[in-house]
N, C-alpha and C. Protein backbone atom coordinates (compact mmCIF):
# COMPACT_ATOMS: atom_id res chain seq x y z
N UNK A 1 168.29 2.90 182.10
CA UNK A 1 166.56 2.91 181.73
C UNK A 1 166.02 1.76 181.93
N UNK A 2 164.98 1.71 182.32
CA UNK A 2 163.97 0.71 182.53
C UNK A 2 162.79 0.62 181.44
N UNK A 3 162.72 -0.37 181.02
CA UNK A 3 161.58 -1.15 179.71
C UNK A 3 160.53 -2.25 180.28
N UNK A 4 159.90 -1.78 181.29
CA UNK A 4 159.11 -3.16 181.21
C UNK A 4 157.75 -2.87 180.85
N UNK A 5 157.07 -3.54 180.28
CA UNK A 5 155.50 -3.25 179.49
C UNK A 5 154.77 -4.44 180.07
N UNK A 6 153.46 -4.47 180.75
CA UNK A 6 152.34 -5.21 180.71
C UNK A 6 151.33 -5.06 179.55
N UNK A 7 150.85 -6.27 179.00
CA UNK A 7 150.00 -5.95 177.65
C UNK A 7 149.10 -6.77 178.40
N UNK A 8 147.77 -6.44 177.88
CA UNK A 8 146.60 -7.60 177.78
C UNK A 8 145.67 -7.24 177.05
N UNK A 9 145.63 -8.36 176.15
CA UNK A 9 144.80 -8.00 174.80
C UNK A 9 144.62 -9.75 174.52
N UNK A 10 143.60 -9.27 173.27
CA UNK A 10 143.21 -10.38 172.41
C UNK A 10 144.38 -10.88 171.60
N UNK A 11 144.25 -12.27 171.25
CA UNK A 11 145.23 -12.94 170.59
C UNK A 11 144.90 -12.83 169.14
N UNK A 12 145.51 -12.01 168.05
CA UNK A 12 144.60 -12.27 166.90
C UNK A 12 145.14 -13.54 166.22
N UNK A 13 146.15 -14.26 166.09
CA UNK A 13 146.68 -15.18 165.30
C UNK A 13 146.84 -16.66 165.91
N UNK A 14 146.69 -17.71 165.44
CA UNK A 14 147.53 -18.53 166.32
C UNK A 14 148.79 -18.78 166.60
N UNK A 15 149.25 -19.02 167.64
CA UNK A 15 150.58 -19.13 167.95
C UNK A 15 151.18 -19.88 166.52
N UNK A 16 152.33 -19.71 166.41
CA UNK A 16 153.44 -20.42 165.57
C UNK A 16 154.89 -20.52 166.44
N UNK A 17 155.00 -21.71 166.44
CA UNK A 17 156.60 -22.26 167.28
C UNK A 17 157.48 -22.24 165.91
N UNK A 18 158.85 -22.04 165.81
CA UNK A 18 160.02 -22.05 165.00
C UNK A 18 161.05 -22.48 166.07
N UNK A 19 161.96 -23.29 165.51
CA UNK A 19 163.11 -23.17 166.53
C UNK A 19 164.12 -22.63 165.09
N UNK A 20 164.79 -21.59 165.98
CA UNK A 20 165.96 -20.85 165.20
C UNK A 20 167.15 -21.73 164.98
N UNK A 21 167.91 -21.62 163.87
CA UNK A 21 169.29 -22.00 163.77
C UNK A 21 170.14 -22.25 164.70
N UNK A 22 170.12 -21.92 165.75
CA UNK A 22 171.22 -22.04 166.88
C UNK A 22 170.41 -23.01 168.19
N UNK A 23 169.09 -23.52 167.36
CA UNK A 23 168.05 -24.47 168.43
C UNK A 23 167.61 -23.54 169.05
N UNK A 24 167.25 -22.63 169.48
CA UNK A 24 166.32 -21.69 170.35
C UNK A 24 165.00 -22.11 169.55
N UNK A 25 163.96 -21.94 170.61
CA UNK A 25 162.92 -22.22 170.20
C UNK A 25 162.01 -20.36 170.26
N UNK A 26 161.33 -20.01 169.55
CA UNK A 26 160.33 -18.80 169.75
C UNK A 26 159.05 -19.08 169.36
N UNK A 27 158.27 -18.66 170.24
CA UNK A 27 156.67 -18.74 169.71
C UNK A 27 156.22 -17.38 169.31
N UNK A 28 155.73 -17.15 168.20
CA UNK A 28 155.24 -15.60 167.59
C UNK A 28 153.70 -15.70 167.41
N UNK A 29 152.85 -14.81 167.47
CA UNK A 29 151.70 -14.50 167.68
C UNK A 29 151.59 -12.61 167.75
N UNK A 30 149.85 -12.43 166.81
CA UNK A 30 149.72 -10.82 167.17
C UNK A 30 148.45 -10.80 168.13
N UNK A 31 148.62 -9.42 168.93
CA UNK A 31 148.02 -9.33 169.79
C UNK A 31 147.52 -8.22 169.60
N UNK A 32 146.13 -7.46 169.88
CA UNK A 32 145.46 -6.43 169.70
C UNK A 32 144.98 -6.10 171.09
N UNK A 33 145.35 -4.55 171.25
CA UNK A 33 145.12 -4.28 172.35
C UNK A 33 144.32 -3.34 172.44
N UNK A 34 143.27 -2.58 173.24
CA UNK A 34 142.11 -1.80 172.58
C UNK A 34 142.54 -0.47 173.62
N UNK A 35 142.21 0.65 173.27
CA UNK A 35 142.09 2.06 173.60
C UNK A 35 140.81 2.83 173.65
N UNK A 36 139.91 2.18 174.88
CA UNK A 36 138.40 2.71 174.82
C UNK A 36 138.16 3.88 174.55
N UNK A 37 137.00 4.39 173.57
CA UNK A 37 137.01 5.56 173.31
C UNK A 37 135.99 6.40 174.33
N UNK A 38 135.56 7.40 174.23
CA UNK A 38 135.29 8.08 175.15
C UNK A 38 134.31 9.51 174.98
N UNK A 39 133.37 10.12 175.43
CA UNK A 39 132.83 11.28 174.96
C UNK A 39 133.64 11.79 175.50
N UNK A 40 133.84 13.79 174.82
CA UNK A 40 134.33 14.70 176.02
C UNK A 40 133.54 15.89 176.16
N UNK A 41 133.53 16.72 177.05
CA UNK A 41 132.74 16.91 178.16
C UNK A 41 131.57 18.36 176.83
N UNK A 42 132.36 18.15 175.64
CA UNK A 42 131.76 19.37 174.33
C UNK A 42 130.96 18.42 173.72
N UNK A 43 130.90 17.00 173.98
CA UNK A 43 130.10 15.91 172.90
C UNK A 43 131.25 15.47 171.61
N UNK A 44 132.56 15.63 171.57
CA UNK A 44 132.63 14.79 170.52
C UNK A 44 133.11 13.27 170.92
N UNK A 45 132.55 12.56 169.97
CA UNK A 45 132.95 11.31 170.35
C UNK A 45 134.49 10.81 169.80
N UNK A 46 135.01 10.34 170.65
CA UNK A 46 136.65 9.86 170.85
C UNK A 46 136.03 8.60 170.21
N UNK A 47 136.89 7.44 169.18
CA UNK A 47 136.70 6.25 169.25
C UNK A 47 137.51 4.59 169.67
N UNK A 48 137.06 4.31 169.66
CA UNK A 48 138.08 3.10 170.60
C UNK A 48 139.67 3.09 169.07
N UNK A 49 140.46 2.92 169.88
CA UNK A 49 141.73 2.81 169.04
C UNK A 49 142.48 1.31 169.19
N UNK A 50 142.55 0.32 168.13
CA UNK A 50 143.18 -0.52 168.18
C UNK A 50 144.63 -0.34 168.24
N UNK A 51 145.46 -1.34 168.55
CA UNK A 51 147.07 -1.31 168.08
C UNK A 51 147.16 -2.85 168.47
N UNK A 52 147.76 -2.97 167.30
CA UNK A 52 148.34 -4.43 167.36
C UNK A 52 149.87 -4.80 167.16
N UNK A 53 150.21 -5.49 168.12
CA UNK A 53 151.01 -6.38 168.66
C UNK A 53 152.03 -7.63 167.81
N UNK A 54 153.30 -7.09 167.42
CA UNK A 54 154.02 -8.72 166.98
C UNK A 54 154.65 -9.28 168.57
N UNK A 55 153.86 -10.04 169.20
CA UNK A 55 154.45 -10.89 170.32
C UNK A 55 155.14 -12.00 170.47
N UNK A 56 156.69 -12.12 170.73
CA UNK A 56 157.67 -13.46 170.92
C UNK A 56 157.07 -14.26 172.39
N UNK A 57 157.66 -15.18 172.43
CA UNK A 57 157.64 -15.80 173.59
C UNK A 57 159.26 -16.78 173.11
N UNK A 58 160.13 -16.19 174.11
CA UNK A 58 161.57 -17.36 173.53
C UNK A 58 161.14 -18.40 174.65
N UNK A 59 162.43 -19.76 174.61
CA UNK A 59 162.61 -20.68 175.51
C UNK A 59 161.75 -21.93 176.01
N UNK A 60 161.68 -21.37 177.19
CA UNK A 60 160.68 -22.91 178.04
C UNK A 60 159.06 -21.78 177.24
N UNK A 61 158.98 -20.37 177.56
CA UNK A 61 157.54 -19.76 177.39
C UNK A 61 157.19 -20.35 176.45
N UNK A 62 157.52 -20.95 175.19
CA UNK A 62 157.12 -21.55 174.14
C UNK A 62 156.15 -22.74 174.73
N UNK A 63 156.22 -23.43 175.97
CA UNK A 63 155.43 -24.14 176.20
C UNK A 63 153.65 -24.14 176.34
N UNK A 64 153.50 -22.99 176.65
CA UNK A 64 152.16 -21.88 176.20
C UNK A 64 151.46 -22.09 174.76
N UNK A 65 152.23 -22.16 174.49
CA UNK A 65 151.73 -22.06 172.72
C UNK A 65 150.27 -23.06 172.46
N UNK A 66 150.47 -24.68 173.23
CA UNK A 66 149.26 -25.21 172.83
C UNK A 66 148.23 -25.24 173.82
N UNK A 67 148.32 -24.06 174.60
CA UNK A 67 147.01 -23.71 175.48
C UNK A 67 146.21 -22.30 174.75
N UNK A 68 147.18 -21.78 173.94
CA UNK A 68 146.55 -20.39 173.93
C UNK A 68 146.08 -20.39 172.22
N UNK A 69 145.32 -19.52 171.91
CA UNK A 69 144.12 -19.34 170.57
C UNK A 69 144.19 -18.49 170.16
N UNK A 70 143.53 -18.45 168.87
CA UNK A 70 143.09 -16.92 168.68
C UNK A 70 141.85 -16.80 169.10
N UNK A 71 141.71 -15.28 169.25
CA UNK A 71 140.37 -14.74 170.52
C UNK A 71 140.55 -14.77 171.63
N UNK A 72 140.97 -15.43 172.19
CA UNK A 72 141.57 -15.58 173.75
C UNK A 72 141.99 -14.21 174.45
N UNK A 73 142.18 -13.80 175.31
CA UNK A 73 142.60 -12.98 176.48
C UNK A 73 143.63 -13.44 176.95
N UNK A 74 144.78 -12.69 176.42
CA UNK A 74 146.27 -13.07 177.53
C UNK A 74 147.20 -11.70 178.50
N UNK A 75 147.90 -11.85 179.45
CA UNK A 75 148.34 -10.99 179.90
C UNK A 75 149.74 -11.50 179.85
N UNK A 76 150.91 -10.37 179.37
CA UNK A 76 151.74 -10.82 179.25
C UNK A 76 152.92 -9.62 179.67
N UNK A 77 154.03 -10.01 180.54
CA UNK A 77 155.04 -8.96 180.84
C UNK A 77 156.59 -9.11 180.21
N UNK A 78 157.03 -8.16 179.75
CA UNK A 78 158.11 -8.10 178.75
C UNK A 78 158.53 -6.64 178.67
N UNK A 79 159.30 -6.62 177.47
CA UNK A 79 159.89 -5.29 176.92
C UNK A 79 159.60 -5.26 175.42
N UNK A 80 159.14 -4.23 175.61
CA UNK A 80 158.53 -3.53 173.95
C UNK A 80 159.34 -2.41 172.82
N UNK A 81 159.75 -2.87 171.73
CA UNK A 81 160.29 -2.19 170.80
C UNK A 81 159.43 -1.85 169.83
N UNK A 82 159.71 -0.90 169.32
CA UNK A 82 159.31 -0.05 167.93
C UNK A 82 160.35 -0.39 166.89
N UNK A 83 159.52 -0.65 165.56
CA UNK A 83 160.83 -0.35 164.35
C UNK A 83 159.82 0.57 163.61
N UNK A 84 160.61 1.46 162.74
CA UNK A 84 159.92 1.88 161.56
C UNK A 84 160.70 1.58 160.15
N UNK A 85 159.16 1.29 159.40
CA UNK A 85 159.85 0.85 157.82
C UNK A 85 159.27 1.73 156.73
N UNK A 86 160.59 2.24 155.73
CA UNK A 86 159.54 3.20 154.80
C UNK A 86 159.47 2.40 153.61
N UNK A 87 158.34 2.45 152.89
CA UNK A 87 157.82 1.20 151.56
C UNK A 87 159.11 2.36 150.60
N UNK A 88 159.57 1.87 149.47
CA UNK A 88 160.67 2.93 148.81
C UNK A 88 159.73 3.38 147.52
N UNK A 89 158.63 2.76 147.32
CA UNK A 89 158.50 3.24 146.10
C UNK A 89 156.79 4.22 146.81
N UNK A 90 156.33 4.25 147.99
CA UNK A 90 154.96 4.88 147.93
C UNK A 90 155.56 6.22 149.03
N UNK A 91 156.44 6.10 150.07
CA UNK A 91 156.74 6.75 150.99
C UNK A 91 156.31 6.29 151.90
N UNK A 92 155.69 5.45 151.96
CA UNK A 92 154.87 5.18 153.05
C UNK A 92 155.13 4.75 154.70
N UNK A 93 155.36 5.20 155.39
CA UNK A 93 156.35 4.62 156.90
C UNK A 93 155.35 4.08 157.50
N UNK A 94 155.72 2.31 158.05
CA UNK A 94 154.56 1.93 158.81
C UNK A 94 155.29 1.64 160.32
N UNK A 95 155.09 1.69 161.01
CA UNK A 95 155.40 1.15 162.52
C UNK A 95 155.09 -0.30 162.95
N UNK A 96 155.94 -0.74 163.83
CA UNK A 96 155.90 -2.09 163.61
C UNK A 96 156.05 -1.98 165.37
N UNK A 97 155.50 -2.85 166.31
CA UNK A 97 155.54 -2.91 167.94
C UNK A 97 155.80 -4.46 168.19
N UNK A 98 156.98 -4.05 168.58
CA UNK A 98 157.15 -6.19 169.17
C UNK A 98 157.55 -6.25 170.34
N UNK A 99 156.77 -6.85 170.55
CA UNK A 99 157.18 -7.16 172.13
C UNK A 99 157.60 -8.65 172.37
N UNK A 100 158.57 -8.97 173.46
CA UNK A 100 159.17 -10.13 173.59
C UNK A 100 159.17 -10.47 175.56
N UNK A 101 157.94 -11.31 174.99
CA UNK A 101 157.74 -11.71 176.88
C UNK A 101 158.49 -12.57 177.53
N UNK A 102 158.46 -12.11 178.82
CA UNK A 102 159.78 -12.39 180.07
C UNK A 102 158.74 -13.50 180.77
N UNK A 103 157.32 -12.79 180.68
CA UNK A 103 156.66 -13.71 182.01
C UNK A 103 155.32 -14.11 180.99
N UNK A 104 154.72 -15.10 181.42
CA UNK A 104 152.94 -15.03 180.84
C UNK A 104 152.07 -15.28 182.35
N UNK A 105 151.58 -13.96 182.45
CA UNK A 105 150.47 -13.82 183.88
C UNK A 105 149.72 -14.16 184.06
N UNK A 106 148.85 -14.38 182.84
CA UNK A 106 147.60 -15.02 182.54
C UNK A 106 147.09 -15.24 181.63
N UNK A 107 146.63 -16.80 181.64
CA UNK A 107 146.15 -17.55 180.20
C UNK A 107 144.57 -18.06 180.44
N UNK A 108 143.50 -18.05 179.71
CA UNK A 108 142.79 -18.48 179.91
C UNK A 108 142.22 -20.06 180.26
N UNK A 109 141.95 -19.95 180.83
CA UNK A 109 141.71 -21.70 181.79
C UNK A 109 141.60 -22.68 180.67
N UNK A 110 142.26 -23.98 181.12
CA UNK A 110 141.88 -24.85 180.16
C UNK A 110 140.20 -25.15 179.98
N UNK A 111 139.91 -25.77 179.07
CA UNK A 111 138.38 -25.79 179.00
C UNK A 111 138.35 -27.53 178.97
N UNK A 112 137.16 -28.11 179.62
CA UNK A 112 137.02 -29.36 179.97
C UNK A 112 136.45 -29.84 179.02
N UNK A 113 136.86 -30.79 178.30
CA UNK A 113 135.96 -31.38 177.22
C UNK A 113 135.86 -32.45 177.47
N UNK A 114 134.47 -32.80 177.30
CA UNK A 114 133.99 -34.49 177.61
C UNK A 114 133.72 -35.51 176.57
N UNK A 115 134.31 -36.89 176.90
CA UNK A 115 134.99 -37.26 175.98
C UNK A 115 133.53 -38.42 175.85
């Protein structure tokens, strides 16, 4: 089975780099992708649908963290996983979309800052 996904979306949180007990670095942030709405033939308006993803950049990919910020558009390639969690008190089921990036395909260009 092949699990290769390309995600392009806007960064929703500032990236956080942490070091795990084994010494491995991971950069985590949230990414929003949007499926654009449309108008059906019979005039029904289908609204935009946003999906939030939890993104993990591992190892050397954490070097991108200083260059990416909330609100920027980024394109990533990697593997996709979902997990569902049920609230024991309310019975509400939440689905978490986790994405482990293998490659950063595009990041915003660095802004030239005048001193």
